[in-house]
Amino acid sequence: MARKALQQKDIDTKLATLNGTWSLRSGKLYREFQFSDFVQAFGFMSQAALVAERMNHHPEWFNVYRTVRVELATHDAKGITDLDFELAAAMNKIAASAGI
């Protein structure tokens, strides 16, 4: 099913209700997670990867030591969709379970 990019007003509304420190950066949802160490960061990425695979929606992310930077956009929709917000919320839940 093809996803449709959300309008800016809808993105702003959803962003305001998304827990965590997500923001918009270069047309994508963006968040930087800080963990206690590399093992905790890698554990987060492993859990998030399983969720992303089930959703068939894969993040752009970057990891150095205890930091994981995440960018979410739906490439075939050429913008941010509900799917990006669903994955962001799932990542928030995973991070919360790690005490972040």
PDB file of N, CA and C in Angstrom:
ATOM      1  N   MET A   1       0.837  -1.180   0.000  1.00  0.00           N
ATOM      2  CA  MET A   1       0.000   0.000   0.000  1.00  0.00           C
ATOM      3  C   MET A   1       0.878   1.239   0.000  1.00  0.00           C
ATOM      4  N   ALA A   2       0.676   2.100  -0.962  1.00  0.00           N
ATOM      5  CA  ALA A   2       1.461   3.329  -1.049  1.00  0.00           C
ATOM      6  C   ALA A   2       1.024   4.297   0.049  1.00  0.00           C
ATOM      7  N   ARG A   3       1.987   4.886   0.669  1.00  0.00           N
ATOM      8  CA  ARG A   3       1.737   5.863   1.732  1.00  0.00           C
ATOM      9  C   ARG A   3       1.782   7.250   1.132  1.00  0.00           C
ATOM     10  N   LYS A   4       1.006   8.142   1.726  1.00  0.00           N
ATOM     11  CA  LYS A   4       0.975   9.527   1.267  1.00  0.00           C
ATOM     12  C   LYS A   4       1.670  10.401   2.300  1.00  0.00           C
ATOM     13  N   ALA A   5       2.532  11.293   1.824  1.00  0.00           N
ATOM     14  CA  ALA A   5       3.227  12.213   2.717  1.00  0.00           C
ATOM     15  C   ALA A   5       2.213  13.116   3.415  1.00  0.00           C
ATOM     16  N   LEU A   6       2.471  13.353   4.692  1.00  0.00           N
ATOM     17  CA  LEU A   6       1.597  14.228   5.470  1.00  0.00           C
ATOM     18  C   LEU A   6       1.842  15.694   5.129  1.00  0.00           C
ATOM     19  N   GLN A   7       0.813  16.498   5.288  1.00  0.00           N
ATOM     20  CA  GLN A   7       0.942  17.945   5.127  1.00  0.00           C
ATOM     21  C   GLN A   7       1.669  18.508   6.344  1.00  0.00           C
ATOM     22  N   GLN A   8       2.297  19.658   6.198  1.00  0.00           N
ATOM     23  CA  GLN A   8       3.084  20.242   7.277  1.00  0.00           C
ATOM     24  C   GLN A   8       2.269  20.444   8.551  1.00  0.00           C
ATOM     25  N   LYS A   9       1.021  20.892   8.427  1.00  0.00           N
ATOM     26  CA  LYS A   9       0.203  21.112   9.631  1.00  0.00           C
ATOM     27  C   LYS A   9      -0.045  19.797  10.374  1.00  0.00           C
ATOM     28  N   ASP A  10      -0.217  18.715   9.636  1.00  0.00           N
ATOM     29  CA  ASP A  10      -0.415  17.404  10.263  1.00  0.00           C
ATOM     30  C   ASP A  10       0.873  16.912  10.927  1.00  0.00           C
ATOM     31  N   ILE A  11       2.003  17.168  10.287  1.00  0.00           N
ATOM     32  CA  ILE A  11       3.296  16.809  10.873  1.00  0.00           C
ATOM     33  C   ILE A  11       3.496  17.577  12.180  1.00  0.00           C
ATOM     34  N   ASP A  12       3.212  18.872  12.153  1.00  0.00           N
ATOM     35  CA  ASP A  12       3.375  19.696  13.357  1.00  0.00           C
ATOM     36  C   ASP A  12       2.494  19.202  14.496  1.00  0.00           C
ATOM     37  N   THR A  13       1.247  18.841  14.186  1.00  0.00           N
ATOM     38  CA  THR A  13       0.316  18.344  15.199  1.00  0.00           C
ATOM     39  C   THR A  13       0.812  17.032  15.787  1.00  0.00           C
ATOM     40  N   LYS A  14       1.214  16.109  14.922  1.00  0.00           N
ATOM     41  CA  LYS A  14       1.694  14.805  15.391  1.00  0.00           C
ATOM     42  C   LYS A  14       3.011  14.952  16.157  1.00  0.00           C
ATOM     43  N   LEU A  15       3.862  15.839  15.709  1.00  0.00           N
ATOM     44  CA  LEU A  15       5.141  16.052  16.377  1.00  0.00           C
ATOM     45  C   LEU A  15       4.935  16.582  17.795  1.00  0.00           C
ATOM     46  N   ALA A  16       3.942  17.425  17.958  1.00  0.00           N
ATOM     47  CA  ALA A  16       3.657  17.994  19.287  1.00  0.00           C
ATOM     48  C   ALA A  16       3.162  16.942  20.273  1.00  0.00           C
ATOM     49  N   THR A  17       2.565  15.874  19.766  1.00  0.00           N
ATOM     50  CA  THR A  17       2.029  14.836  20.656  1.00  0.00           C
ATOM     51  C   THR A  17       2.976  13.647  20.796  1.00  0.00           C
ATOM     52  N   LEU A  18       4.066  13.633  20.042  1.00  0.00           N
ATOM     53  CA  LEU A  18       5.030  12.530  20.106  1.00  0.00           C
ATOM     54  C   LEU A  18       5.953  12.751  21.294  1.00  0.00           C
ATOM     55  N   ASN A  19       5.941  11.809  22.218  1.00  0.00           N
ATOM     56  CA  ASN A  19       6.818  11.917  23.382  1.00  0.00           C
ATOM     57  C   ASN A  19       8.267  11.789  22.945  1.00  0.00           C
ATOM     58  N   GLY A  20       9.142  12.438  23.674  1.00  0.00           N
ATOM     59  CA  GLY A  20      10.561  12.403  23.329  1.00  0.00           C
ATOM     60  C   GLY A  20      10.982  13.702  22.697  1.00  0.00           C
ATOM     61  N   THR A  21      12.202  13.753  22.307  1.00  0.00           N
ATOM     62  CA  THR A  21      12.745  14.986  21.751  1.00  0.00           C
ATOM     63  C   THR A  21      12.899  14.885  20.236  1.00  0.00           C
ATOM     64  N   TRP A  22      11.855  14.481  19.571  1.00  0.00           N
ATOM     65  CA  TRP A  22      11.858  14.422  18.115  1.00  0.00           C
ATOM     66  C   TRP A  22      11.681  15.824  17.559  1.00  0.00           C
ATOM     67  N   SER A  23      12.311  16.088  16.419  1.00  0.00           N
ATOM     68  CA  SER A  23      12.183  17.367  15.743  1.00  0.00           C
ATOM     69  C   SER A  23      12.212  17.115  14.240  1.00  0.00           C
ATOM     70  N   LEU A  24      12.088  18.183  13.482  1.00  0.00           N
ATOM     71  CA  LEU A  24      12.221  18.090  12.031  1.00  0.00           C
ATOM     72  C   LEU A  24      13.612  18.570  11.651  1.00  0.00           C
ATOM     73  N   ARG A  25      14.264  17.793  10.791  1.00  0.00           N
ATOM     74  CA  ARG A  25      15.582  18.173  10.309  1.00  0.00           C
ATOM     75  C   ARG A  25      15.699  17.690   8.873  1.00  0.00           C
ATOM     76  N   SER A  26      15.898  18.614   7.965  1.00  0.00           N
ATOM     77  CA  SER A  26      16.060  18.285   6.538  1.00  0.00           C
ATOM     78  C   SER A  26      14.904  17.439   6.007  1.00  0.00           C
ATOM     79  N   GLY A  27      13.681  17.774   6.406  1.00  0.00           N
ATOM     80  CA  GLY A  27      12.499  17.083   5.898  1.00  0.00           C
ATOM     81  C   GLY A  27      12.266  15.703   6.476  1.00  0.00           C
ATOM     82  N   LYS A  28      12.922  15.394   7.598  1.00  0.00           N
ATOM     83  CA  LYS A  28      12.774  14.090   8.231  1.00  0.00           C
ATOM     84  C   LYS A  28      12.539  14.266   9.726  1.00  0.00           C
ATOM     85  N   LEU A  29      11.911  13.264  10.342  1.00  0.00           N
ATOM     86  CA  LEU A  29      11.834  13.236  11.798  1.00  0.00           C
ATOM     87  C   LEU A  29      13.226  12.901  12.302  1.00  0.00           C
ATOM     88  N   TYR A  30      13.657  13.590  13.347  1.00  0.00           N
ATOM     89  CA  TYR A  30      15.017  13.412  13.850  1.00  0.00           C
ATOM     90  C   TYR A  30      15.013  13.320  15.369  1.00  0.00           C
ATOM     91  N   ARG A  31      15.801  12.388  15.879  1.00  0.00           N
ATOM     92  CA  ARG A  31      16.034  12.320  17.322  1.00  0.00           C
ATOM     93  C   ARG A  31      17.418  11.740  17.579  1.00  0.00           C
ATOM     94  N   GLU A  32      18.049  12.251  18.613  1.00  0.00           N
ATOM     95  CA  GLU A  32      19.316  11.711  19.075  1.00  0.00           C
ATOM     96  C   GLU A  32      19.076  11.077  20.438  1.00  0.00           C
ATOM     97  N   PHE A  33      19.405   9.798  20.540  1.00  0.00           N
ATOM     98  CA  PHE A  33      19.284   9.056  21.792  1.00  0.00           C
ATOM     99  C   PHE A  33      20.665   8.951  22.426  1.00  0.00           C
ATOM    100  N   GLN A  34      20.740   9.175  23.737  1.00  0.00           N
ATOM    101  CA  GLN A  34      21.985   9.013  24.489  1.00  0.00           C
ATOM    102  C   GLN A  34      21.782   7.895  25.503  1.00  0.00           C
ATOM    103  N   PHE A  35      22.590   6.865  25.394  1.00  0.00           N
ATOM    104  CA  PHE A  35      22.512   5.725  26.300  1.00  0.00           C
ATOM    105  C   PHE A  35      23.693   5.751  27.262  1.00  0.00           C
ATOM    106  N   SER A  36      23.697   4.845  28.219  1.00  0.00           N
ATOM    107  CA  SER A  36      24.770   4.829  29.208  1.00  0.00           C
ATOM    108  C   SER A  36      26.085   4.317  28.634  1.00  0.00           C
ATOM    109  N   ASP A  37      25.998   3.461  27.628  1.00  0.00           N
ATOM    110  CA  ASP A  37      27.214   2.911  27.025  1.00  0.00           C
ATOM    111  C   ASP A  37      26.869   2.302  25.661  1.00  0.00           C
ATOM    112  N   PHE A  38      27.884   1.767  25.008  1.00  0.00           N
ATOM    113  CA  PHE A  38      27.707   1.191  23.679  1.00  0.00           C
ATOM    114  C   PHE A  38      26.788  -0.020  23.691  1.00  0.00           C
ATOM    115  N   VAL A  39      26.900  -0.867  24.704  1.00  0.00           N
ATOM    116  CA  VAL A  39      26.075  -2.077  24.766  1.00  0.00           C
ATOM    117  C   VAL A  39      24.599  -1.699  24.832  1.00  0.00           C
ATOM    118  N   GLN A  40      24.259  -0.706  25.636  1.00  0.00           N
ATOM    119  CA  GLN A  40      22.859  -0.267  25.732  1.00  0.00           C
ATOM    120  C   GLN A  40      22.392   0.342  24.405  1.00  0.00           C
ATOM    121  N   ALA A  41      23.253   1.134  23.760  1.00  0.00           N
ATOM    122  CA  ALA A  41      22.903   1.722  22.459  1.00  0.00           C
ATOM    123  C   ALA A  41      22.688   0.634  21.411  1.00  0.00           C
ATOM    124  N   PHE A  42      23.565  -0.348  21.397  1.00  0.00           N
ATOM    125  CA  PHE A  42      23.455  -1.435  20.429  1.00  0.00           C
ATOM    126  C   PHE A  42      22.217  -2.283  20.706  1.00  0.00           C
ATOM    127  N   GLY A  43      21.910  -2.496  21.978  1.00  0.00           N
ATOM    128  CA  GLY A  43      20.692  -3.227  22.334  1.00  0.00           C
ATOM    129  C   GLY A  43      19.446  -2.518  21.836  1.00  0.00           C
ATOM    130  N   PHE A  44      19.423  -1.189  21.992  1.00  0.00           N
ATOM    131  CA  PHE A  44      18.306  -0.387  21.474  1.00  0.00           C
ATOM    132  C   PHE A  44      18.187  -0.579  19.965  1.00  0.00           C
ATOM    133  N   MET A  45      19.314  -0.484  19.271  1.00  0.00           N
ATOM    134  CA  MET A  45      19.282  -0.615  17.816  1.00  0.00           C
ATOM    135  C   MET A  45      18.805  -2.006  17.402  1.00  0.00           C
ATOM    136  N   SER A  46      19.221  -3.020  18.126  1.00  0.00           N
ATOM    137  CA  SER A  46      18.788  -4.390  17.807  1.00  0.00           C
ATOM    138  C   SER A  46      17.282  -4.540  17.966  1.00  0.00           C
ATOM    139  N   GLN A  47      16.757  -4.029  19.076  1.00  0.00           N
ATOM    140  CA  GLN A  47      15.305  -4.113  19.299  1.00  0.00           C
ATOM    141  C   GLN A  47      14.547  -3.286  18.273  1.00  0.00           C
ATOM    142  N   ALA A  48      15.033  -2.085  17.983  1.00  0.00           N
ATOM    143  CA  ALA A  48      14.372  -1.222  17.001  1.00  0.00           C
ATOM    144  C   ALA A  48      14.427  -1.839  15.604  1.00  0.00           C
ATOM    145  N   ALA A  49      15.524  -2.517  15.291  1.00  0.00           N
ATOM    146  CA  ALA A  49      15.656  -3.154  13.981  1.00  0.00           C
ATOM    147  C   ALA A  49      14.590  -4.232  13.782  1.00  0.00           C
ATOM    148  N   LEU A  50      14.299  -4.993  14.830  1.00  0.00           N
ATOM    149  CA  LEU A  50      13.263  -6.032  14.724  1.00  0.00           C
ATOM    150  C   LEU A  50      11.885  -5.417  14.489  1.00  0.00           C
ATOM    151  N   VAL A  51      11.598  -4.324  15.173  1.00  0.00           N
ATOM    152  CA  VAL A  51      10.320  -3.619  14.970  1.00  0.00           C
ATOM    153  C   VAL A  51      10.268  -3.057  13.553  1.00  0.00           C
ATOM    154  N   ALA A  52      11.339  -2.411  13.123  1.00  0.00           N
ATOM    155  CA  ALA A  52      11.376  -1.821  11.782  1.00  0.00           C
ATOM    156  C   ALA A  52      11.190  -2.884  10.704  1.00  0.00           C
ATOM    157  N   GLU A  53      11.792  -4.038  10.898  1.00  0.00           N
ATOM    158  CA  GLU A  53      11.663  -5.110   9.917  1.00  0.00           C
ATOM    159  C   GLU A  53      10.215  -5.606   9.843  1.00  0.00           C
ATOM    160  N   ARG A  54       9.575  -5.764  11.014  1.00  0.00           N
ATOM    161  CA  ARG A  54       8.159  -6.180  11.014  1.00  0.00           C
ATOM    162  C   ARG A  54       7.280  -5.139  10.307  1.00  0.00           C
ATOM    163  N   MET A  55       7.644  -3.875  10.459  1.00  0.00           N
ATOM    164  CA  MET A  55       6.881  -2.796   9.824  1.00  0.00           C
ATOM    165  C   MET A  55       7.255  -2.624   8.349  1.00  0.00           C
ATOM    166  N   ASN A  56       8.362  -3.269   7.952  1.00  0.00           N
ATOM    167  CA  ASN A  56       8.932  -3.048   6.617  1.00  0.00           C
ATOM    168  C   ASN A  56       9.187  -1.558   6.391  1.00  0.00           C
ATOM    169  N   HIS A  57       9.754  -0.955   7.418  1.00  0.00           N
ATOM    170  CA  HIS A  57      10.052   0.487   7.372  1.00  0.00           C
ATOM    171  C   HIS A  57      11.361   0.703   8.124  1.00  0.00           C
ATOM    172  N   HIS A  58      12.395   1.035   7.401  1.00  0.00           N
ATOM    173  CA  HIS A  58      13.736   1.003   7.966  1.00  0.00           C
ATOM    174  C   HIS A  58      14.287   2.416   8.165  1.00  0.00           C
ATOM    175  N   PRO A  59      14.837   2.664   9.344  1.00  0.00           N
ATOM    176  CA  PRO A  59      15.341   3.998   9.655  1.00  0.00           C
ATOM    177  C   PRO A  59      16.692   4.270   9.006  1.00  0.00           C
ATOM    178  N   GLU A  60      16.993   5.551   8.887  1.00  0.00           N
ATOM    179  CA  GLU A  60      18.363   5.975   8.629  1.00  0.00           C
ATOM    180  C   GLU A  60      18.912   6.279  10.013  1.00  0.00           C
ATOM    181  N   TRP A  61      20.009   5.639  10.378  1.00  0.00           N
ATOM    182  CA  TRP A  61      20.554   5.900  11.700  1.00  0.00           C
ATOM    183  C   TRP A  61      22.053   5.769  11.697  1.00  0.00           C
ATOM    184  N   PHE A  62      22.627   6.335  12.751  1.00  0.00           N
ATOM    185  CA  PHE A  62      24.069   6.408  12.887  1.00  0.00           C
ATOM    186  C   PHE A  62      24.407   6.207  14.351  1.00  0.00           C
ATOM    187  N   ASN A  63      25.387   5.368  14.615  1.00  0.00           N
ATOM    188  CA  ASN A  63      25.762   5.067  15.995  1.00  0.00           C
ATOM    189  C   ASN A  63      27.251   5.299  16.203  1.00  0.00           C
ATOM    190  N   VAL A  64      27.570   6.042  17.252  1.00  0.00           N
ATOM    191  CA  VAL A  64      28.931   6.158  17.748  1.00  0.00           C
ATOM    192  C   VAL A  64      28.861   6.004  19.255  1.00  0.00           C
ATOM    193  N   TYR A  65      29.541   5.016  19.758  1.00  0.00           N
ATOM    194  CA  TYR A  65      29.606   4.682  21.166  1.00  0.00           C
ATOM    195  C   TYR A  65      28.209   4.651  21.782  1.00  0.00           C
ATOM    196  N   ARG A  66      27.832   5.638  22.584  1.00  0.00           N
ATOM    197  CA  ARG A  66      26.557   5.597  23.301  1.00  0.00           C
ATOM    198  C   ARG A  66      25.466   6.442  22.647  1.00  0.00           C
ATOM    199  N   THR A  67      25.758   7.006  21.491  1.00  0.00           N
ATOM    200  CA  THR A  67      24.823   7.883  20.794  1.00  0.00           C
ATOM    201  C   THR A  67      24.241   7.194  19.567  1.00  0.00           C
ATOM    202  N   VAL A  68      22.919   7.293  19.426  1.00  0.00           N
ATOM    203  CA  VAL A  68      22.241   6.813  18.223  1.00  0.00           C
ATOM    204  C   VAL A  68      21.420   7.968  17.664  1.00  0.00           C
ATOM    205  N   ARG A  69      21.746   8.384  16.449  1.00  0.00           N
ATOM    206  CA  ARG A  69      20.982   9.433  15.765  1.00  0.00           C
ATOM    207  C   ARG A  69      20.069   8.766  14.742  1.00  0.00           C
ATOM    208  N   VAL A  70      18.806   9.176  14.745  1.00  0.00           N
ATOM    209  CA  VAL A  70      17.799   8.540  13.889  1.00  0.00           C
ATOM    210  C   VAL A  70      17.124   9.592  13.020  1.00  0.00           C
ATOM    211  N   GLU A  71      16.958   9.269  11.750  1.00  0.00           N
ATOM    212  CA  GLU A  71      16.170  10.080  10.823  1.00  0.00           C
ATOM    213  C   GLU A  71      15.114   9.172  10.199  1.00  0.00           C
ATOM    214  N   LEU A  72      13.879   9.658  10.175  1.00  0.00           N
ATOM    215  CA  LEU A  72      12.778   8.875   9.622  1.00  0.00           C
ATOM    216  C   LEU A  72      12.049   9.663   8.543  1.00  0.00           C
ATOM    217  N   ALA A  73      11.860   9.033   7.414  1.00  0.00           N
ATOM    218  CA  ALA A  73      11.044   9.553   6.313  1.00  0.00           C
ATOM    219  C   ALA A  73      10.649   8.343   5.465  1.00  0.00           C
ATOM    220  N   THR A  74       9.576   8.489   4.741  1.00  0.00           N
ATOM    221  CA  THR A  74       9.112   7.417   3.862  1.00  0.00           C
ATOM    222  C   THR A  74       9.532   7.784   2.449  1.00  0.00           C
ATOM    223  N   HIS A  75      10.554   7.107   1.971  1.00  0.00           N
ATOM    224  CA  HIS A  75      11.174   7.504   0.707  1.00  0.00           C
ATOM    225  C   HIS A  75      10.230   7.418  -0.480  1.00  0.00           C
ATOM    226  N   ASP A  76       9.401   6.360  -0.560  1.00  0.00           N
ATOM    227  CA  ASP A  76       8.506   6.262  -1.714  1.00  0.00           C
ATOM    228  C   ASP A  76       7.405   7.310  -1.682  1.00  0.00           C
ATOM    229  N   ALA A  77       7.116   7.872  -0.506  1.00  0.00           N
ATOM    230  CA  ALA A  77       6.129   8.957  -0.393  1.00  0.00           C
ATOM    231  C   ALA A  77       6.794  10.321  -0.520  1.00  0.00           C
ATOM    232  N   LYS A  78       8.133  10.328  -0.520  1.00  0.00           N
ATOM    233  CA  LYS A  78       8.909  11.564  -0.608  1.00  0.00           C
ATOM    234  C   LYS A  78       8.563  12.539   0.515  1.00  0.00           C
ATOM    235  N   GLY A  79       8.428  11.988   1.720  1.00  0.00           N
ATOM    236  CA  GLY A  79       8.121  12.832   2.867  1.00  0.00           C
ATOM    237  C   GLY A  79       7.851  11.997   4.104  1.00  0.00           C
ATOM    238  N   ILE A  80       7.295  12.642   5.096  1.00  0.00           N
ATOM    239  CA  ILE A  80       6.979  11.998   6.366  1.00  0.00           C
ATOM    240  C   ILE A  80       5.549  11.487   6.321  1.00  0.00           C
ATOM    241  N   THR A  81       5.361  10.243   6.766  1.00  0.00           N
ATOM    242  CA  THR A  81       4.037   9.624   6.774  1.00  0.00           C
ATOM    243  C   THR A  81       3.697   9.152   8.189  1.00  0.00           C
ATOM    244  N   ASP A  82       2.485   8.643   8.332  1.00  0.00           N
ATOM    245  CA  ASP A  82       2.079   8.067   9.612  1.00  0.00           C
ATOM    246  C   ASP A  82       3.020   6.941  10.038  1.00  0.00           C
ATOM    247  N   LEU A  83       3.551   6.214   9.075  1.00  0.00           N
ATOM    248  CA  LEU A  83       4.469   5.116   9.371  1.00  0.00           C
ATOM    249  C   LEU A  83       5.711   5.606  10.118  1.00  0.00           C
ATOM    250  N   ASP A  84       6.195   6.781   9.761  1.00  0.00           N
ATOM    251  CA  ASP A  84       7.354   7.351  10.451  1.00  0.00           C
ATOM    252  C   ASP A  84       7.023   7.662  11.908  1.00  0.00           C
ATOM    253  N   PHE A  85       5.837   8.187  12.141  1.00  0.00           N
ATOM    254  CA  PHE A  85       5.425   8.478  13.516  1.00  0.00           C
ATOM    255  C   PHE A  85       5.217   7.191  14.312  1.00  0.00           C
ATOM    256  N   GLU A  86       4.718   6.144  13.659  1.00  0.00           N
ATOM    257  CA  GLU A  86       4.549   4.853  14.340  1.00  0.00           C
ATOM    258  C   GLU A  86       5.908   4.284  14.762  1.00  0.00           C
ATOM    259  N   LEU A  87       6.895   4.362  13.873  1.00  0.00           N
ATOM    260  CA  LEU A  87       8.223   3.854  14.205  1.00  0.00           C
ATOM    261  C   LEU A  87       8.877   4.724  15.275  1.00  0.00           C
ATOM    262  N   ALA A  88       8.694   6.027  15.207  1.00  0.00           N
ATOM    263  CA  ALA A  88       9.242   6.925  16.230  1.00  0.00           C
ATOM    264  C   ALA A  88       8.663   6.584  17.600  1.00  0.00           C
ATOM    265  N   ALA A  89       7.358   6.350  17.659  1.00  0.00           N
ATOM    266  CA  ALA A  89       6.712   6.001  18.936  1.00  0.00           C
ATOM    267  C   ALA A  89       7.244   4.671  19.450  1.00  0.00           C
ATOM    268  N   ALA A  90       7.452   3.706  18.559  1.00  0.00           N
ATOM    269  CA  ALA A  90       8.006   2.411  18.967  1.00  0.00           C
ATOM    270  C   ALA A  90       9.429   2.580  19.497  1.00  0.00           C
ATOM    271  N   MET A  91      10.217   3.431  18.862  1.00  0.00           N
ATOM    272  CA  MET A  91      11.581   3.684  19.324  1.00  0.00           C
ATOM    273  C   MET A  91      11.568   4.371  20.693  1.00  0.00           C
ATOM    274  N   ASN A  92      10.633   5.288  20.887  1.00  0.00           N
ATOM    275  CA  ASN A  92      10.492   5.923  22.207  1.00  0.00           C
ATOM    276  C   ASN A  92      10.213   4.876  23.280  1.00  0.00           C
ATOM    277  N   LYS A  93       9.348   3.940  22.966  1.00  0.00           N
ATOM    278  CA  LYS A  93       8.982   2.904  23.939  1.00  0.00           C
ATOM    279  C   LYS A  93      10.188   2.020  24.257  1.00  0.00           C
ATOM    280  N   ILE A  94      10.941   1.652  23.250  1.00  0.00           N
ATOM    281  CA  ILE A  94      12.141   0.842  23.467  1.00  0.00           C
ATOM    282  C   ILE A  94      13.150   1.605  24.323  1.00  0.00           C
ATOM    283  N   ALA A  95      13.360   2.874  24.004  1.00  0.00           N
ATOM    284  CA  ALA A  95      14.299   3.691  24.778  1.00  0.00           C
ATOM    285  C   ALA A  95      13.819   3.854  26.216  1.00  0.00           C
ATOM    286  N   ALA A  96      12.522   4.032  26.396  1.00  0.00           N
ATOM    287  CA  ALA A  96      11.972   4.185  27.752  1.00  0.00           C
ATOM    288  C   ALA A  96      12.211   2.929  28.578  1.00  0.00           C
ATOM    289  N   SER A  97      12.119   1.764  27.938  1.00  0.00           N
ATOM    290  CA  SER A  97      12.357   0.521  28.667  1.00  0.00           C
ATOM    291  C   SER A  97      13.820   0.404  29.105  1.00  0.00           C
ATOM    292  N   ALA A  98      14.698   1.175  28.442  1.00  0.00           N
ATOM    293  CA  ALA A  98      16.113   1.202  28.816  1.00  0.00           C
ATOM    294  C   ALA A  98      16.408   2.348  29.790  1.00  0.00           C
ATOM    295  N   GLY A  99      15.364   3.059  30.186  1.00  0.00           N
ATOM    296  CA  GLY A  99      15.540   4.161  31.126  1.00  0.00           C
ATOM    297  C   GLY A  99      15.931   5.468  30.486  1.00  0.00           C
ATOM    298  N   ILE A 100      15.747   5.588  29.185  1.00  0.00           N
ATOM    299  CA  ILE A 100      16.094   6.819  28.460  1.00  0.00           C
ATOM    300  C   ILE A 100      14.867   7.685  28.291  1.00  0.00           C
TER     301      ILE A 100
END
